Amino acid sequence: MSLNDLIADMLTRIRNAQMAEHEKVDIVLSKINQSIADILKEEGYVKNYKVIKDGDSRGTLRLYLKYDDQGKPVLSGLKRESKPGLRKYVGADAIPVVLNGLGITILSTSKGVITGEQAKRLNVG
């Protein structure tokens, strides 16, 4: 399987699994996808995740999705801003606020993959 944009693929798989009300979703394993999954778990947007190594292949990242009491997905409005064809760069002072502070922004910085709040504290963009 040859994928060019692993992050966009991850977000699409999560959205599709939530629309089908799946309990879990399997995603292609990569360092950045695992870092994003780690942040989603820390922030309480997914129950858990597990790394599954499949011998020779790249491996799989299994995300266990989280739903509220009414059965609605906890994650909503997943959007990829910076794309391979059009990169977006922001400074620490220009990191966007999502849903008036109720959502999170995930950034790839020189300090690794972190939330927008952490990036503001560390003064990185």
PDB file of N, CA and C in Angstrom:
ATOM      1  N   MET A   1       0.843  -1.176   0.000  1.00  0.00           N
ATOM      2  CA  MET A   1       0.000   0.000   0.000  1.00  0.00           C
ATOM      3  C   MET A   1       0.887   1.237   0.000  1.00  0.00           C
ATOM      4  N   SER A   2       0.724   2.056  -0.995  1.00  0.00           N
ATOM      5  CA  SER A   2       1.524   3.263  -1.101  1.00  0.00           C
ATOM      6  C   SER A   2       0.644   4.479  -0.820  1.00  0.00           C
ATOM      7  N   LEU A   3       0.906   5.120   0.295  1.00  0.00           N
ATOM      8  CA  LEU A   3       0.143   6.308   0.660  1.00  0.00           C
ATOM      9  C   LEU A   3       1.070   7.509   0.680  1.00  0.00           C
ATOM     10  N   ASN A   4       0.598   8.608   0.132  1.00  0.00           N
ATOM     11  CA  ASN A   4       1.406   9.822   0.126  1.00  0.00           C
ATOM     12  C   ASN A   4       1.199  10.654   1.377  1.00  0.00           C
ATOM     13  N   ASP A   5      -0.021  10.709   1.876  1.00  0.00           N
ATOM     14  CA  ASP A   5      -0.346  11.559   3.008  1.00  0.00           C
ATOM     15  C   ASP A   5      -0.933  10.706   4.130  1.00  0.00           C
ATOM     16  N   LEU A   6      -0.064  10.227   5.005  1.00  0.00           N
ATOM     17  CA  LEU A   6      -0.487   9.326   6.076  1.00  0.00           C
ATOM     18  C   LEU A   6      -1.404  10.008   7.083  1.00  0.00           C
ATOM     19  N   ILE A   7      -1.216  11.302   7.310  1.00  0.00           N
ATOM     20  CA  ILE A   7      -2.062  12.015   8.273  1.00  0.00           C
ATOM     21  C   ILE A   7      -3.481  12.154   7.728  1.00  0.00           C
ATOM     22  N   ALA A   8      -3.621  12.548   6.467  1.00  0.00           N
ATOM     23  CA  ALA A   8      -4.945  12.675   5.856  1.00  0.00           C
ATOM     24  C   ALA A   8      -5.641  11.319   5.831  1.00  0.00           C
ATOM     25  N   ASP A   9      -4.888  10.258   5.542  1.00  0.00           N
ATOM     26  CA  ASP A   9      -5.448   8.909   5.545  1.00  0.00           C
ATOM     27  C   ASP A   9      -5.944   8.546   6.944  1.00  0.00           C
ATOM     28  N   MET A  10      -5.175   8.889   7.973  1.00  0.00           N
ATOM     29  CA  MET A  10      -5.567   8.610   9.356  1.00  0.00           C
ATOM     30  C   MET A  10      -6.880   9.318   9.701  1.00  0.00           C
ATOM     31  N   LEU A  11      -6.961  10.601   9.378  1.00  0.00           N
ATOM     32  CA  LEU A  11      -8.164  11.371   9.692  1.00  0.00           C
ATOM     33  C   LEU A  11      -9.384  10.835   8.947  1.00  0.00           C
ATOM     34  N   THR A  12      -9.201  10.459   7.688  1.00  0.00           N
ATOM     35  CA  THR A  12     -10.303   9.910   6.898  1.00  0.00           C
ATOM     36  C   THR A  12     -10.779   8.583   7.471  1.00  0.00           C
ATOM     37  N   ARG A  13      -9.851   7.724   7.867  1.00  0.00           N
ATOM     38  CA  ARG A  13     -10.234   6.436   8.454  1.00  0.00           C
ATOM     39  C   ARG A  13     -10.989   6.635   9.765  1.00  0.00           C
ATOM     40  N   ILE A  14     -10.560   7.601  10.579  1.00  0.00           N
ATOM     41  CA  ILE A  14     -11.263   7.880  11.836  1.00  0.00           C
ATOM     42  C   ILE A  14     -12.673   8.383  11.548  1.00  0.00           C
ATOM     43  N   ARG A  15     -12.807   9.338  10.626  1.00  0.00           N
ATOM     44  CA  ARG A  15     -14.137   9.871  10.277  1.00  0.00           C
ATOM     45  C   ARG A  15     -15.055   8.766   9.763  1.00  0.00           C
ATOM     46  N   ASN A  16     -14.545   7.914   8.867  1.00  0.00           N
ATOM     47  CA  ASN A  16     -15.361   6.833   8.309  1.00  0.00           C
ATOM     48  C   ASN A  16     -15.775   5.830   9.379  1.00  0.00           C
ATOM     49  N   ALA A  17     -14.863   5.484  10.279  1.00  0.00           N
ATOM     50  CA  ALA A  17     -15.176   4.535  11.350  1.00  0.00           C
ATOM     51  C   ALA A  17     -16.221   5.117  12.293  1.00  0.00           C
ATOM     52  N   GLN A  18     -16.147   6.413  12.563  1.00  0.00           N
ATOM     53  CA  GLN A  18     -17.132   7.039  13.442  1.00  0.00           C
ATOM     54  C   GLN A  18     -18.509   7.082  12.795  1.00  0.00           C
ATOM     55  N   MET A  19     -18.563   7.359  11.487  1.00  0.00           N
ATOM     56  CA  MET A  19     -19.854   7.377  10.795  1.00  0.00           C
ATOM     57  C   MET A  19     -20.493   5.996  10.813  1.00  0.00           C
ATOM     58  N   ALA A  20     -19.672   4.949  10.769  1.00  0.00           N
ATOM     59  CA  ALA A  20     -20.172   3.575  10.810  1.00  0.00           C
ATOM     60  C   ALA A  20     -20.311   3.070  12.248  1.00  0.00           C
ATOM     61  N   GLU A  21     -20.006   3.935  13.232  1.00  0.00           N
ATOM     62  CA  GLU A  21     -20.102   3.618  14.662  1.00  0.00           C
ATOM     63  C   GLU A  21     -19.255   2.411  15.053  1.00  0.00           C
ATOM     64  N   HIS A  22     -18.060   2.331  14.495  1.00  0.00           N
ATOM     65  CA  HIS A  22     -17.140   1.253  14.843  1.00  0.00           C
ATOM     66  C   HIS A  22     -16.491   1.539  16.189  1.00  0.00           C
ATOM     67  N   GLU A  23     -16.140   0.477  16.884  1.00  0.00           N
ATOM     68  CA  GLU A  23     -15.476   0.599  18.184  1.00  0.00           C
ATOM     69  C   GLU A  23     -13.994   0.912  18.018  1.00  0.00           C
ATOM     70  N   LYS A  24     -13.414   0.402  16.927  1.00  0.00           N
ATOM     71  CA  LYS A  24     -11.981   0.592  16.697  1.00  0.00           C
ATOM     72  C   LYS A  24     -11.730   0.800  15.213  1.00  0.00           C
ATOM     73  N   VAL A  25     -10.532   1.335  14.923  1.00  0.00           N
ATOM     74  CA  VAL A  25     -10.139   1.564  13.538  1.00  0.00           C
ATOM     75  C   VAL A  25      -8.648   1.280  13.418  1.00  0.00           C
ATOM     76  N   ASP A  26      -8.259   0.627  12.329  1.00  0.00           N
ATOM     77  CA  ASP A  26      -6.854   0.317  12.075  1.00  0.00           C
ATOM     78  C   ASP A  26      -6.276   1.329  11.094  1.00  0.00           C
ATOM     79  N   ILE A  27      -5.093   1.826  11.438  1.00  0.00           N
ATOM     80  CA  ILE A  27      -4.426   2.868  10.673  1.00  0.00           C
ATOM     81  C   ILE A  27      -3.002   2.412  10.390  1.00  0.00           C
ATOM     82  N   VAL A  28      -2.441   2.849   9.271  1.00  0.00           N
ATOM     83  CA  VAL A  28      -1.053   2.538   8.937  1.00  0.00           C
ATOM     84  C   VAL A  28      -0.148   3.166   9.997  1.00  0.00           C
ATOM     85  N   LEU A  29       0.781   2.370  10.515  1.00  0.00           N
ATOM     86  CA  LEU A  29       1.676   2.843  11.569  1.00  0.00           C
ATOM     87  C   LEU A  29       2.777   3.726  10.997  1.00  0.00           C
ATOM     88  N   SER A  30       2.941   4.885  11.593  1.00  0.00           N
ATOM     89  CA  SER A  30       4.072   5.768  11.316  1.00  0.00           C
ATOM     90  C   SER A  30       4.351   6.532  12.604  1.00  0.00           C
ATOM     91  N   LYS A  31       5.533   7.118  12.697  1.00  0.00           N
ATOM     92  CA  LYS A  31       5.883   7.856  13.915  1.00  0.00           C
ATOM     93  C   LYS A  31       4.936   9.023  14.152  1.00  0.00           C
ATOM     94  N   ILE A  32       4.584   9.737  13.090  1.00  0.00           N
ATOM     95  CA  ILE A  32       3.719  10.904  13.263  1.00  0.00           C
ATOM     96  C   ILE A  32       2.296  10.484  13.623  1.00  0.00           C
ATOM     97  N   ASN A  33       1.791   9.402  13.014  1.00  0.00           N
ATOM     98  CA  ASN A  33       0.462   8.911  13.369  1.00  0.00           C
ATOM     99  C   ASN A  33       0.423   8.451  14.821  1.00  0.00           C
ATOM    100  N   GLN A  34       1.489   7.811  15.280  1.00  0.00           N
ATOM    101  CA  GLN A  34       1.546   7.365  16.666  1.00  0.00           C
ATOM    102  C   GLN A  34       1.604   8.569  17.613  1.00  0.00           C
ATOM    103  N   SER A  35       2.324   9.608  17.235  1.00  0.00           N
ATOM    104  CA  SER A  35       2.384  10.821  18.055  1.00  0.00           C
ATOM    105  C   SER A  35       1.020  11.495  18.142  1.00  0.00           C
ATOM    106  N   ILE A  36       0.301  11.533  17.027  1.00  0.00           N
ATOM    107  CA  ILE A  36      -1.042  12.116  17.016  1.00  0.00           C
ATOM    108  C   ILE A  36      -1.979  11.280  17.880  1.00  0.00           C
ATOM    109  N   ALA A  37      -1.892   9.952  17.766  1.00  0.00           N
ATOM    110  CA  ALA A  37      -2.724   9.066  18.585  1.00  0.00           C
ATOM    111  C   ALA A  37      -2.433   9.264  20.066  1.00  0.00           C
ATOM    112  N   ASP A  38      -1.172   9.465  20.404  1.00  0.00           N
ATOM    113  CA  ASP A  38      -0.782   9.694  21.795  1.00  0.00           C
ATOM    114  C   ASP A  38      -1.434  10.972  22.328  1.00  0.00           C
ATOM    115  N   ILE A  39      -1.426  12.031  21.533  1.00  0.00           N
ATOM    116  CA  ILE A  39      -2.058  13.290  21.945  1.00  0.00           C
ATOM    117  C   ILE A  39      -3.565  13.110  22.077  1.00  0.00           C
ATOM    118  N   LEU A  40      -4.189  12.416  21.125  1.00  0.00           N
ATOM    119  CA  LEU A  40      -5.634  12.188  21.193  1.00  0.00           C
ATOM    120  C   LEU A  40      -6.011  11.407  22.448  1.00  0.00           C
ATOM    121  N   LYS A  41      -5.163  10.461  22.845  1.00  0.00           N
ATOM    122  CA  LYS A  41      -5.419   9.697  24.071  1.00  0.00           C
ATOM    123  C   LYS A  41      -5.241  10.578  25.308  1.00  0.00           C
ATOM    124  N   GLU A  42      -4.147  11.348  25.356  1.00  0.00           N
ATOM    125  CA  GLU A  42      -3.888  12.239  26.496  1.00  0.00           C
ATOM    126  C   GLU A  42      -5.012  13.247  26.690  1.00  0.00           C
ATOM    127  N   GLU A  43      -5.552  13.758  25.587  1.00  0.00           N
ATOM    128  CA  GLU A  43      -6.602  14.777  25.651  1.00  0.00           C
ATOM    129  C   GLU A  43      -7.994  14.172  25.846  1.00  0.00           C
ATOM    130  N   GLY A  44      -8.102  12.841  25.832  1.00  0.00           N
ATOM    131  CA  GLY A  44      -9.378  12.184  26.093  1.00  0.00           C
ATOM    132  C   GLY A  44     -10.292  12.044  24.895  1.00  0.00           C
ATOM    133  N   TYR A  45      -9.751  12.138  23.689  1.00  0.00           N
ATOM    134  CA  TYR A  45     -10.571  12.017  22.490  1.00  0.00           C
ATOM    135  C   TYR A  45     -10.704  10.578  22.001  1.00  0.00           C
ATOM    136  N   VAL A  46      -9.811   9.696  22.412  1.00  0.00           N
ATOM    137  CA  VAL A  46      -9.919   8.265  22.112  1.00  0.00           C
ATOM    138  C   VAL A  46      -9.694   7.493  23.408  1.00  0.00           C
ATOM    139  N   LYS A  47     -10.256   6.286  23.472  1.00  0.00           N
ATOM    140  CA  LYS A  47     -10.089   5.467  24.680  1.00  0.00           C
ATOM    141  C   LYS A  47      -8.645   5.028  24.853  1.00  0.00           C
ATOM    142  N   ASN A  48      -8.097   4.471  23.785  1.00  0.00           N
ATOM    143  CA  ASN A  48      -6.752   3.914  23.853  1.00  0.00           C
ATOM    144  C   ASN A  48      -6.263   3.656  22.430  1.00  0.00           C
ATOM    145  N   TYR A  49      -5.023   3.268  22.314  1.00  0.00           N
ATOM    146  CA  TYR A  49      -4.498   2.809  21.034  1.00  0.00           C
ATOM    147  C   TYR A  49      -3.471   1.718  21.289  1.00  0.00           C
ATOM    148  N   LYS A  50      -3.273   0.894  20.274  1.00  0.00           N
ATOM    149  CA  LYS A  50      -2.341  -0.223  20.382  1.00  0.00           C
ATOM    150  C   LYS A  50      -1.535  -0.319  19.098  1.00  0.00           C
ATOM    151  N   VAL A  51      -0.239  -0.567  19.240  1.00  0.00           N
ATOM    152  CA  VAL A  51       0.636  -0.762  18.085  1.00  0.00           C
ATOM    153  C   VAL A  51       0.721  -2.257  17.812  1.00  0.00           C
ATOM    154  N   ILE A  52       0.417  -2.653  16.582  1.00  0.00           N
ATOM    155  CA  ILE A  52       0.446  -4.057  16.186  1.00  0.00           C
ATOM    156  C   ILE A  52       1.498  -4.213  15.098  1.00  0.00           C
ATOM    157  N   LYS A  53       2.546  -4.964  15.389  1.00  0.00           N
ATOM    158  CA  LYS A  53       3.598  -5.230  14.397  1.00  0.00           C
ATOM    159  C   LYS A  53       3.217  -6.489  13.633  1.00  0.00           C
ATOM    160  N   ASP A  54       3.244  -6.398  12.302  1.00  0.00           N
ATOM    161  CA  ASP A  54       2.842  -7.511  11.446  1.00  0.00           C
ATOM    162  C   ASP A  54       4.033  -8.069  10.680  1.00  0.00           C
ATOM    163  N   GLY A  55       5.001  -8.601  11.373  1.00  0.00           N
ATOM    164  CA  GLY A  55       6.150  -9.209  10.711  1.00  0.00           C
ATOM    165  C   GLY A  55       6.913  -8.242   9.835  1.00  0.00           C
ATOM    166  N   ASP A  56       6.888  -8.481   8.517  1.00  0.00           N
ATOM    167  CA  ASP A  56       7.648  -7.670   7.569  1.00  0.00           C
ATOM    168  C   ASP A  56       7.009  -6.313   7.293  1.00  0.00           C
ATOM    169  N   SER A  57       5.682  -6.254   7.402  1.00  0.00           N
ATOM    170  CA  SER A  57       4.997  -5.030   6.985  1.00  0.00           C
ATOM    171  C   SER A  57       5.246  -3.875   7.947  1.00  0.00           C
ATOM    172  N   ARG A  58       4.744  -2.747   7.585  1.00  0.00           N
ATOM    173  CA  ARG A  58       4.956  -1.499   8.310  1.00  0.00           C
ATOM    174  C   ARG A  58       4.369  -1.537   9.721  1.00  0.00           C
ATOM    175  N   GLY A  59       3.277  -2.237   9.901  1.00  0.00           N
ATOM    176  CA  GLY A  59       2.620  -2.300  11.194  1.00  0.00           C
ATOM    177  C   GLY A  59       1.302  -1.543  11.160  1.00  0.00           C
ATOM    178  N   THR A  60       0.536  -1.718  12.224  1.00  0.00           N
ATOM    179  CA  THR A  60      -0.785  -1.125  12.311  1.00  0.00           C
ATOM    180  C   THR A  60      -0.941  -0.409  13.639  1.00  0.00           C
ATOM    181  N   LEU A  61      -1.634   0.690  13.604  1.00  0.00           N
ATOM    182  CA  LEU A  61      -1.986   1.440  14.795  1.00  0.00           C
ATOM    183  C   LEU A  61      -3.486   1.271  14.971  1.00  0.00           C
ATOM    184  N   ARG A  62      -3.904   0.612  16.041  1.00  0.00           N
ATOM    185  CA  ARG A  62      -5.327   0.382  16.287  1.00  0.00           C
ATOM    186  C   ARG A  62      -5.820   1.397  17.309  1.00  0.00           C
ATOM    187  N   LEU A  63      -6.741   2.260  16.870  1.00  0.00           N
ATOM    188  CA  LEU A  63      -7.340   3.270  17.741  1.00  0.00           C
ATOM    189  C   LEU A  63      -8.691   2.776  18.227  1.00  0.00           C
ATOM    190  N   TYR A  64      -8.925   2.894  19.531  1.00  0.00           N
ATOM    191  CA  TYR A  64     -10.217   2.551  20.114  1.00  0.00           C
ATOM    192  C   TYR A  64     -10.989   3.849  20.301  1.00  0.00           C
ATOM    193  N   LEU A  65     -12.037   4.022  19.513  1.00  0.00           N
ATOM    194  CA  LEU A  65     -12.771   5.281  19.461  1.00  0.00           C
ATOM    195  C   LEU A  65     -13.656   5.468  20.685  1.00  0.00           C
ATOM    196  N   LYS A  66     -13.950   6.721  20.982  1.00  0.00           N
ATOM    197  CA  LYS A  66     -14.723   7.077  22.162  1.00  0.00           C
ATOM    198  C   LYS A  66     -16.014   7.768  21.727  1.00  0.00           C
ATOM    199  N   TYR A  67     -17.112   7.397  22.379  1.00  0.00           N
ATOM    200  CA  TYR A  67     -18.414   7.989  22.100  1.00  0.00           C
ATOM    201  C   TYR A  67     -19.011   8.511  23.402  1.00  0.00           C
ATOM    202  N   ASP A  68     -19.888   9.527  23.305  1.00  0.00           N
ATOM    203  CA  ASP A  68     -20.517  10.059  24.516  1.00  0.00           C
ATOM    204  C   ASP A  68     -21.720   9.203  24.912  1.00  0.00           C
ATOM    205  N   ASP A  69     -22.472   9.638  25.923  1.00  0.00           N
ATOM    206  CA  ASP A  69     -23.604   8.857  26.436  1.00  0.00           C
ATOM    207  C   ASP A  69     -24.713   8.672  25.405  1.00  0.00           C
ATOM    208  N   GLN A  70     -24.853   9.620  24.482  1.00  0.00           N
ATOM    209  CA  GLN A  70     -25.871   9.514  23.434  1.00  0.00           C
ATOM    210  C   GLN A  70     -25.374   8.735  22.215  1.00  0.00           C
ATOM    211  N   GLY A  71     -24.151   8.243  22.264  1.00  0.00           N
ATOM    212  CA  GLY A  71     -23.590   7.479  21.159  1.00  0.00           C
ATOM    213  C   GLY A  71     -22.963   8.327  20.066  1.00  0.00           C
ATOM    214  N   LYS A  72     -22.791   9.619  20.329  1.00  0.00           N
ATOM    215  CA  LYS A  72     -22.156  10.499  19.340  1.00  0.00           C
ATOM    216  C   LYS A  72     -20.643  10.466  19.532  1.00  0.00           C
ATOM    217  N   PRO A  73     -19.887  10.544  18.438  1.00  0.00           N
ATOM    218  CA  PRO A  73     -18.423  10.516  18.546  1.00  0.00           C
ATOM    219  C   PRO A  73     -17.891  11.706  19.345  1.00  0.00           C
ATOM    220  N   VAL A  74     -16.906  11.454  20.184  1.00  0.00           N
ATOM    221  CA  VAL A  74     -16.259  12.522  20.949  1.00  0.00           C
ATOM    222  C   VAL A  74     -15.435  13.396  20.007  1.00  0.00           C
ATOM    223  N   LEU A  75     -14.812  12.788  19.014  1.00  0.00           N
ATOM    224  CA  LEU A  75     -14.039  13.524  18.002  1.00  0.00           C
ATOM    225  C   LEU A  75     -14.981  14.031  16.918  1.00  0.00           C
ATOM    226  N   SER A  76     -14.900  15.312  16.618  1.00  0.00           N
ATOM    227  CA  SER A  76     -15.688  15.842  15.505  1.00  0.00           C
ATOM    228  C   SER A  76     -14.906  16.976  14.860  1.00  0.00           C
ATOM    229  N   GLY A  77     -15.197  17.247  13.627  1.00  0.00           N
ATOM    230  CA  GLY A  77     -14.550  18.351  12.927  1.00  0.00           C
ATOM    231  C   GLY A  77     -13.067  18.150  12.677  1.00  0.00           C
ATOM    232  N   LEU A  78     -12.657  16.902  12.419  1.00  0.00           N
ATOM    233  CA  LEU A  78     -11.247  16.639  12.106  1.00  0.00           C
ATOM    234  C   LEU A  78     -10.901  17.289  10.776  1.00  0.00           C
ATOM    235  N   LYS A  79      -9.835  18.074  10.768  1.00  0.00           N
ATOM    236  CA  LYS A  79      -9.465  18.779   9.547  1.00  0.00           C
ATOM    237  C   LYS A  79      -7.955  18.895   9.445  1.00  0.00           C
ATOM    238  N   ARG A  80      -7.445  18.630   8.263  1.00  0.00           N
ATOM    239  CA  ARG A  80      -6.017  18.772   7.975  1.00  0.00           C
ATOM    240  C   ARG A  80      -5.810  20.136   7.341  1.00  0.00           C
ATOM    241  N   GLU A  81      -5.085  21.016   8.007  1.00  0.00           N
ATOM    242  CA  GLU A  81      -4.852  22.363   7.480  1.00  0.00           C
ATOM    243  C   GLU A  81      -3.647  22.402   6.546  1.00  0.00           C
ATOM    244  N   SER A  82      -2.495  21.951   7.020  1.00  0.00           N
ATOM    245  CA  SER A  82      -1.276  21.976   6.218  1.00  0.00           C
ATOM    246  C   SER A  82      -1.206  20.686   5.411  1.00  0.00           C
ATOM    247  N   LYS A  83      -1.207  20.829   4.098  1.00  0.00           N
ATOM    248  CA  LYS A  83      -1.219  19.666   3.211  1.00  0.00           C
ATOM    249  C   LYS A  83       0.112  19.586   2.470  1.00  0.00           C
ATOM    250  N   PRO A  84       0.453  18.411   1.948  1.00  0.00           N
ATOM    251  CA  PRO A  84       1.724  18.290   1.221  1.00  0.00           C
ATOM    252  C   PRO A  84       1.865  19.288   0.073  1.00  0.00           C
ATOM    253  N   GLY A  85       0.777  19.625  -0.595  1.00  0.00           N
ATOM    254  CA  GLY A  85       0.846  20.564  -1.711  1.00  0.00           C
ATOM    255  C   GLY A  85       0.799  22.021  -1.298  1.00  0.00           C
ATOM    256  N   LEU A  86       0.384  22.289  -0.064  1.00  0.00           N
ATOM    257  CA  LEU A  86       0.267  23.664   0.421  1.00  0.00           C
ATOM    258  C   LEU A  86       0.536  23.681   1.922  1.00  0.00           C
ATOM    259  N   ARG A  87       1.784  23.854   2.273  1.00  0.00           N
ATOM    260  CA  ARG A  87       2.180  23.876   3.685  1.00  0.00           C
ATOM    261  C   ARG A  87       1.770  25.191   4.332  1.00  0.00           C
ATOM    262  N   LYS A  88       1.362  25.103   5.595  1.00  0.00           N
ATOM    263  CA  LYS A  88       1.031  26.298   6.370  1.00  0.00           C
ATOM    264  C   LYS A  88       1.938  26.345   7.580  1.00  0.00           C
ATOM    265  N   TYR A  89       2.533  27.492   7.790  1.00  0.00           N
ATOM    266  CA  TYR A  89       3.433  27.692   8.920  1.00  0.00           C
ATOM    267  C   TYR A  89       2.862  28.793   9.799  1.00  0.00           C
ATOM    268  N   VAL A  90       2.909  28.592  11.119  1.00  0.00           N
ATOM    269  CA  VAL A  90       2.438  29.620  12.049  1.00  0.00           C
ATOM    270  C   VAL A  90       3.467  29.808  13.148  1.00  0.00           C
ATOM    271  N   GLY A  91       3.568  31.030  13.619  1.00  0.00           N
ATOM    272  CA  GLY A  91       4.420  31.312  14.766  1.00  0.00           C
ATOM    273  C   GLY A  91       3.654  31.020  16.049  1.00  0.00           C
ATOM    274  N   ALA A  92       4.338  31.043  17.164  1.00  0.00           N
ATOM    275  CA  ALA A  92       3.712  30.742  18.451  1.00  0.00           C
ATOM    276  C   ALA A  92       2.586  31.718  18.766  1.00  0.00           C
ATOM    277  N   ASP A  93       2.695  32.951  18.295  1.00  0.00           N
ATOM    278  CA  ASP A  93       1.667  33.950  18.582  1.00  0.00           C
ATOM    279  C   ASP A  93       0.468  33.859  17.642  1.00  0.00           C
ATOM    280  N   ALA A  94       0.539  33.053  16.604  1.00  0.00           N
ATOM    281  CA  ALA A  94      -0.546  32.954  15.622  1.00  0.00           C
ATOM    282  C   ALA A  94      -1.207  31.578  15.604  1.00  0.00           C
ATOM    283  N   ILE A  95      -0.989  30.759  16.633  1.00  0.00           N
ATOM    284  CA  ILE A  95      -1.597  29.425  16.677  1.00  0.00           C
ATOM    285  C   ILE A  95      -3.103  29.585  16.867  1.00  0.00           C
ATOM    286  N   PRO A  96      -3.912  28.992  15.986  1.00  0.00           N
ATOM    287  CA  PRO A  96      -5.358  29.205  16.057  1.00  0.00           C
ATOM    288  C   PRO A  96      -6.004  28.540  17.274  1.00  0.00           C
ATOM    289  N   VAL A  97      -7.079  29.176  17.749  1.00  0.00           N
ATOM    290  CA  VAL A  97      -7.888  28.623  18.836  1.00  0.00           C
ATOM    291  C   VAL A  97      -9.047  27.878  18.182  1.00  0.00           C
ATOM    292  N   VAL A  98      -9.300  26.647  18.612  1.00  0.00           N
ATOM    293  CA  VAL A  98     -10.337  25.816  18.014  1.00  0.00           C
ATOM    294  C   VAL A  98     -11.546  25.762  18.942  1.00  0.00           C
ATOM    295  N   LEU A  99     -12.724  26.044  18.404  1.00  0.00           N
ATOM    296  CA  LEU A  99     -13.985  26.000  19.154  1.00  0.00           C
ATOM    297  C   LEU A  99     -13.911  26.792  20.460  1.00  0.00           C
ATOM    298  N   ASN A 100     -13.377  27.993  20.374  1.00  0.00           N
ATOM    299  CA  ASN A 100     -13.238  28.873  21.549  1.00  0.00           C
ATOM    300  C   ASN A 100     -12.530  28.198  22.710  1.00  0.00           C
ATOM    301  N   GLY A 101     -11.530  27.399  22.399  1.00  0.00           N
ATOM    302  CA  GLY A 101     -10.736  26.751  23.439  1.00  0.00           C
ATOM    303  C   GLY A 101     -11.218  25.367  23.829  1.00  0.00           C
ATOM    304  N   LEU A 102     -12.337  24.904  23.280  1.00  0.00           N
ATOM    305  CA  LEU A 102     -12.846  23.570  23.607  1.00  0.00           C
ATOM    306  C   LEU A 102     -12.184  22.478  22.775  1.00  0.00           C
ATOM    307  N   GLY A 103     -11.625  22.829  21.632  1.00  0.00           N
ATOM    308  CA  GLY A 103     -10.943  21.870  20.773  1.00  0.00           C
ATOM    309  C   GLY A 103      -9.440  22.020  20.894  1.00  0.00           C
ATOM    310  N   ILE A 104      -8.718  21.214  20.125  1.00  0.00           N
ATOM    311  CA  ILE A 104      -7.257  21.295  20.157  1.00  0.00           C
ATOM    312  C   ILE A 104      -6.706  21.423  18.741  1.00  0.00           C
ATOM    313  N   THR A 105      -5.541  22.032  18.667  1.00  0.00           N
ATOM    314  CA  THR A 105      -4.751  22.095  17.448  1.00  0.00           C
ATOM    315  C   THR A 105      -3.536  21.212  17.678  1.00  0.00           C
ATOM    316  N   ILE A 106      -3.206  20.374  16.716  1.00  0.00           N
ATOM    317  CA  ILE A 106      -2.019  19.529  16.826  1.00  0.00           C
ATOM    318  C   ILE A 106      -1.012  20.025  15.797  1.00  0.00           C
ATOM    319  N   LEU A 107       0.204  20.307  16.277  1.00  0.00           N
ATOM    320  CA  LEU A 107       1.246  20.880  15.429  1.00  0.00           C
ATOM    321  C   LEU A 107       2.481  19.997  15.408  1.00  0.00           C
ATOM    322  N   SER A 108       3.163  19.988  14.281  1.00  0.00           N
ATOM    323  CA  SER A 108       4.469  19.361  14.189  1.00  0.00           C
ATOM    324  C   SER A 108       5.500  20.476  14.312  1.00  0.00           C
ATOM    325  N   THR A 109       6.305  20.430  15.372  1.00  0.00           N
ATOM    326  CA  THR A 109       7.276  21.492  15.646  1.00  0.00           C
ATOM    327  C   THR A 109       8.672  20.901  15.784  1.00  0.00           C
ATOM    328  N   SER A 110       9.630  21.762  16.028  1.00  0.00           N
ATOM    329  CA  SER A 110      10.996  21.304  16.281  1.00  0.00           C
ATOM    330  C   SER A 110      11.086  20.532  17.597  1.00  0.00           C
ATOM    331  N   LYS A 111      10.090  20.695  18.462  1.00  0.00           N
ATOM    332  CA  LYS A 111      10.032  19.978  19.744  1.00  0.00           C
ATOM    333  C   LYS A 111       9.213  18.691  19.632  1.00  0.00           C
ATOM    334  N   GLY A 112       8.802  18.345  18.415  1.00  0.00           N
ATOM    335  CA  GLY A 112       7.998  17.148  18.192  1.00  0.00           C
ATOM    336  C   GLY A 112       6.553  17.513  17.913  1.00  0.00           C
ATOM    337  N   VAL A 113       5.696  16.506  17.891  1.00  0.00           N
ATOM    338  CA  VAL A 113       4.271  16.719  17.652  1.00  0.00           C
ATOM    339  C   VAL A 113       3.632  17.061  18.992  1.00  0.00           C
ATOM    340  N   ILE A 114       3.068  18.269  19.084  1.00  0.00           N
ATOM    341  CA  ILE A 114       2.496  18.749  20.343  1.00  0.00           C
ATOM    342  C   ILE A 114       1.192  19.493  20.080  1.00  0.00           C
ATOM    343  N   THR A 115       0.443  19.768  21.149  1.00  0.00           N
ATOM    344  CA  THR A 115      -0.798  20.530  21.017  1.00  0.00           C
ATOM    345  C   THR A 115      -0.478  22.010  20.875  1.00  0.00           C
ATOM    346  N   GLY A 116      -1.456  22.771  20.414  1.00  0.00           N
ATOM    347  CA  GLY A 116      -1.279  24.206  20.270  1.00  0.00           C
ATOM    348  C   GLY A 116      -0.991  24.885  21.598  1.00  0.00           C
ATOM    349  N   GLU A 117      -1.629  24.410  22.656  1.00  0.00           N
ATOM    350  CA  GLU A 117      -1.416  24.975  23.991  1.00  0.00           C
ATOM    351  C   GLU A 117       0.029  24.766  24.454  1.00  0.00           C
ATOM    352  N   GLN A 118       0.549  23.567  24.235  1.00  0.00           N
ATOM    353  CA  GLN A 118       1.944  23.282  24.598  1.00  0.00           C
ATOM    354  C   GLN A 118       2.897  24.132  23.765  1.00  0.00           C
ATOM    355  N   ALA A 119       2.571  24.316  22.482  1.00  0.00           N
ATOM    356  CA  ALA A 119       3.426  25.112  21.599  1.00  0.00           C
ATOM    357  C   ALA A 119       3.487  26.562  22.070  1.00  0.00           C
ATOM    358  N   LYS A 120       2.352  27.092  22.521  1.00  0.00           N
ATOM    359  CA  LYS A 120       2.343  28.470  23.035  1.00  0.00           C
ATOM    360  C   LYS A 120       3.206  28.575  24.285  1.00  0.00           C
ATOM    361  N   ARG A 121       3.108  27.579  25.176  1.00  0.00           N
ATOM    362  CA  ARG A 121       3.913  27.593  26.401  1.00  0.00           C
ATOM    363  C   ARG A 121       5.407  27.509  26.088  1.00  0.00           C
ATOM    364  N   LEU A 122       5.761  26.669  25.096  1.00  0.00           N
ATOM    365  CA  LEU A 122       7.167  26.495  24.724  1.00  0.00           C
ATOM    366  C   LEU A 122       7.656  27.569  23.749  1.00  0.00           C
ATOM    367  N   ASN A 123       6.719  28.413  23.295  1.00  0.00           N
ATOM    368  CA  ASN A 123       7.018  29.487  22.346  1.00  0.00           C
ATOM    369  C   ASN A 123       7.619  28.950  21.040  1.00  0.00           C
ATOM    370  N   VAL A 124       6.986  27.901  20.508  1.00  0.00           N
ATOM    371  CA  VAL A 124       7.381  27.349  19.210  1.00  0.00           C
ATOM    372  C   VAL A 124       6.158  27.313  18.300  1.00  0.00           C
ATOM    373  N   GLY A 125       6.407  27.333  17.005  1.00  0.00           N
ATOM    374  CA  GLY A 125       5.303  27.285  16.053  1.00  0.00           C
ATOM    375  C   GLY A 125       5.605  26.312  14.954  1.00  0.00           C
TER     376      GLY A 125
END
